[in-house]
């Protein structure tokens, strides 16, 4: 177990299908056998973002909390439900043309990984008009050294669906990557 493990989760697959509900920010992640391994829903009408997640069998896994009220800085902590300690911090880098997130150590602020949009053109079109929101996002996941770890690839569908693939989890824990991908999708309103 590493410092970035979410204790209630033990992910063994390299690929997960994430589906968002049509109605609100409600998500579920399935492994390659179709088993739900993680689900979460954003609490409604909260001034401070709070987003609890649970395992497929309903045990609390972690909660995402914004760093401030109506968080503008893009700082979100993933708090382990079993230890009540932060596992990692998600920082959003605000730019018009690129969506880039950093996964950081909650104590040292050391970089663990980045999740960055692959297409500036798609990001620009989506920022201009909601008409382009049907174009799925694609992100690349890299470790602290900039090496490829995996990707998040959206799919054309009525419900928001995307696949999180982790090709190399030697330096980056799968649980943190899957959790971060789901949280990023909710925060960005994809």
Protein backbone atom coordinates (compact mmCIF):
# COMPACT_ATOMS: atom_id res chain seq x y z
CA UNK A 1 0.00 0.00 0.00
CA UNK A 2 1.37 3.44 -0.98
CA UNK A 3 0.63 6.84 0.49
CA UNK A 4 -1.80 7.51 -2.38
CA UNK A 5 -3.97 4.43 -2.01
CA UNK A 6 -7.65 4.79 -1.31
CA UNK A 7 -8.05 2.05 1.31
CA UNK A 8 -11.55 0.90 0.33
CA UNK A 9 -10.54 0.39 -3.32
CA UNK A 10 -8.41 -2.35 -4.79
CA UNK A 11 -8.44 -1.98 -8.56
CA UNK A 12 -6.83 -4.74 -10.59
CA UNK A 13 -7.97 -4.00 -14.17
CA UNK A 14 -6.15 -1.69 -16.56
CA UNK A 15 -9.34 -0.25 -18.05
CA UNK A 16 -12.56 1.14 -16.59
CA UNK A 17 -15.75 2.41 -18.21
CA UNK A 18 -17.17 5.51 -16.51
CA UNK A 19 -20.77 6.57 -17.15
CA UNK A 20 -22.43 9.78 -16.00
CA UNK A 21 -26.16 9.94 -15.31
CA UNK A 22 -28.22 12.03 -17.73
CA UNK A 23 -29.82 14.02 -14.91
CA UNK A 24 -26.97 15.24 -12.68
CA UNK A 25 -23.35 14.70 -11.67
CA UNK A 26 -23.81 11.07 -10.72
CA UNK A 27 -21.13 8.60 -11.86
CA UNK A 28 -20.32 4.92 -11.88
CA UNK A 29 -17.15 3.11 -12.93
CA UNK A 30 -17.18 -0.51 -14.11
CA UNK A 31 -14.30 -2.91 -14.55
CA UNK A 32 -13.86 -4.97 -17.74
CA UNK A 33 -16.29 -7.63 -16.42
CA UNK A 34 -19.07 -5.05 -15.93
CA UNK A 35 -18.80 -4.94 -12.12
CA UNK A 36 -19.38 -1.53 -10.57
CA UNK A 37 -16.20 -0.68 -8.64
CA UNK A 38 -16.86 2.97 -7.80
CA UNK A 39 -19.81 5.36 -7.78
CA UNK A 40 -20.40 8.89 -6.65
CA UNK A 41 -22.78 11.81 -6.86
CA UNK A 42 -22.18 15.48 -6.30
CA UNK A 43 -24.12 16.95 -3.40
CA UNK A 44 -26.65 19.47 -4.61
CA UNK A 45 -26.77 23.12 -3.53
CA UNK A 46 -23.46 23.16 -1.66
CA UNK A 47 -21.51 26.42 -1.52
CA UNK A 48 -18.40 24.40 -0.92
CA UNK A 49 -17.99 21.52 -3.37
CA UNK A 50 -18.41 18.13 -1.75
CA UNK A 51 -18.53 14.94 -3.72
CA UNK A 52 -18.71 11.58 -1.85
CA UNK A 53 -17.76 8.30 -3.56
CA UNK A 54 -18.45 4.73 -2.53
CA UNK A 55 -17.34 1.30 -3.63
CA UNK A 56 -19.51 -0.88 -5.86
CA UNK A 57 -20.95 -2.59 -2.76
CA UNK A 58 -21.84 0.74 -1.08
CA UNK A 59 -18.94 1.23 1.35
CA UNK A 60 -17.67 4.83 1.63
CA UNK A 61 -14.41 5.18 -0.37
CA UNK A 62 -13.49 8.87 -0.39
CA UNK A 63 -14.88 12.39 -0.54
CA UNK A 64 -13.71 15.24 -2.72
CA UNK A 65 -13.70 18.65 -1.07
CA UNK A 66 -12.93 21.99 -2.68
CA UNK A 67 -10.18 24.11 -1.17
CA UNK A 68 -12.47 27.13 -0.83
CA UNK A 69 -16.06 28.29 -1.23
CA UNK A 70 -17.02 28.27 -4.92
CA UNK A 71 -13.46 27.21 -5.54
CA UNK A 72 -11.78 29.46 -8.11
CA UNK A 73 -8.23 28.22 -7.60
CA UNK A 74 -9.13 24.73 -8.76
CA UNK A 75 -7.77 23.00 -5.66
CA UNK A 76 -9.60 19.82 -4.58
CA UNK A 77 -8.60 17.27 -1.93
CA UNK A 78 -9.48 13.57 -2.08
CA UNK A 79 -10.12 12.49 1.52
CA UNK A 80 -9.94 8.75 2.30
CA UNK A 81 -13.20 7.66 3.98
CA UNK A 82 -11.46 5.14 6.26
CA UNK A 83 -8.66 7.37 7.55
CA UNK A 84 -10.24 10.81 7.06
CA UNK A 85 -6.83 11.90 5.70
CA UNK A 86 -6.16 13.54 2.32
CA UNK A 87 -4.82 11.07 -0.24
CA UNK A 88 -4.01 13.59 -2.94
CA UNK A 89 -4.79 17.09 -4.14
CA UNK A 90 -6.06 17.97 -7.62
CA UNK A 91 -4.94 21.36 -8.94
CA UNK A 92 -6.48 22.80 -12.06
CA UNK A 93 -4.31 25.01 -14.26
CA UNK A 94 -6.61 27.64 -15.70
CA UNK A 95 -6.01 28.30 -19.37
CA UNK A 96 -8.43 29.00 -22.17
CA UNK A 97 -7.08 26.43 -24.60
CA UNK A 98 -5.92 23.53 -22.45
CA UNK A 99 -7.40 21.63 -19.56
CA UNK A 100 -4.54 20.47 -17.36
CA UNK A 101 -4.78 18.95 -13.91
CA UNK A 102 -1.99 18.09 -11.51
CA UNK A 103 -2.26 15.33 -8.94
CA UNK A 104 -0.11 16.33 -5.95
CA UNK A 105 0.97 14.93 -2.62
CA UNK A 106 -1.22 16.58 0.07
CA UNK A 107 1.70 17.13 2.45
CA UNK A 108 4.75 17.88 0.30
CA UNK A 109 2.86 19.15 -2.79
CA UNK A 110 5.16 16.96 -4.91
CA UNK A 111 3.78 16.17 -8.35
CA UNK A 112 2.37 12.64 -8.66
CA UNK A 113 0.86 12.84 -12.15
CA UNK A 114 -0.79 15.14 -14.70
CA UNK A 115 -4.01 14.70 -16.66
CA UNK A 116 -4.00 16.97 -19.70
CA UNK A 117 -6.39 17.49 -22.58
CA UNK A 118 -5.06 16.18 -25.89
CA UNK A 119 -6.78 18.70 -28.17
CA UNK A 120 -6.60 22.47 -27.83
CA UNK A 121 -9.01 22.79 -30.75
CA UNK A 122 -11.70 20.67 -29.04
CA UNK A 123 -11.20 22.60 -25.78
CA UNK A 124 -11.52 25.93 -27.62
CA UNK A 125 -14.68 24.84 -29.47
CA UNK A 126 -16.25 23.55 -26.25
CA UNK A 127 -15.42 26.86 -24.51
CA UNK A 128 -17.02 28.89 -27.30
CA UNK A 129 -20.39 27.14 -27.40
CA UNK A 130 -22.38 24.37 -25.74
CA UNK A 131 -23.12 23.10 -29.27
CA UNK A 132 -19.65 21.55 -29.24
CA UNK A 133 -20.15 19.82 -25.89
CA UNK A 134 -21.05 16.61 -27.78
CA UNK A 135 -17.41 16.29 -28.86
CA UNK A 136 -15.85 13.88 -26.37
CA UNK A 137 -12.81 14.89 -24.34
CA UNK A 138 -9.53 13.00 -24.55
CA UNK A 139 -6.84 13.34 -21.91
CA UNK A 140 -3.36 11.92 -21.53
CA UNK A 141 -2.16 10.81 -18.11
CA UNK A 142 1.55 11.24 -17.35
CA UNK A 143 3.64 10.51 -14.27
CA UNK A 144 5.80 13.10 -12.47
CA UNK A 145 8.64 12.52 -14.96
CA UNK A 146 6.34 13.20 -17.93
CA UNK A 147 6.16 9.55 -19.01
CA UNK A 148 2.90 8.18 -20.45
CA UNK A 149 0.75 6.37 -17.86
CA UNK A 150 -2.62 6.14 -19.59
CA UNK A 151 -5.48 8.04 -21.11
CA UNK A 152 -9.06 9.10 -20.64
CA UNK A 153 -11.07 8.78 -23.87
CA UNK A 154 -14.63 10.05 -24.17
CA UNK A 155 -17.21 8.28 -26.31
CA UNK A 156 -20.04 9.64 -28.42
CA UNK A 157 -23.19 8.70 -26.50
CA UNK A 158 -26.35 10.18 -25.05
CA UNK A 159 -24.98 9.72 -21.53
CA UNK A 160 -21.45 10.96 -20.86
CA UNK A 161 -19.22 7.87 -21.18
CA UNK A 162 -15.49 7.50 -21.25
CA UNK A 163 -12.82 4.88 -20.78
CA UNK A 164 -9.97 5.32 -18.32
CA UNK A 165 -7.00 3.20 -19.37
CA UNK A 166 -3.93 2.81 -17.19
CA UNK A 167 -1.07 1.35 -19.22
CA UNK A 168 1.61 1.71 -16.55
CA UNK A 169 0.70 2.01 -12.87
CA UNK A 170 4.24 1.51 -11.57
CA UNK A 171 4.58 5.15 -10.45
CA UNK A 172 0.93 6.22 -10.24
CA UNK A 173 -1.78 4.32 -8.28
CA UNK A 174 -4.78 3.23 -10.37
CA UNK A 175 -7.23 4.17 -7.62
CA UNK A 176 -6.04 7.78 -7.56
CA UNK A 177 -6.07 8.05 -11.37
CA UNK A 178 -9.60 6.64 -11.74
CA UNK A 179 -10.89 8.82 -8.89
CA UNK A 180 -9.23 11.92 -10.35
CA UNK A 181 -10.63 11.27 -13.84
CA UNK A 182 -14.18 11.02 -12.48
CA UNK A 183 -13.78 14.14 -10.35
CA UNK A 184 -12.28 16.15 -13.21
CA UNK A 185 -15.21 15.24 -15.46
CA UNK A 186 -17.68 16.45 -12.82
CA UNK A 187 -15.81 19.67 -12.05
CA UNK A 188 -15.39 20.59 -15.69
CA UNK A 189 -19.07 19.89 -16.30
CA UNK A 190 -18.42 17.53 -19.19
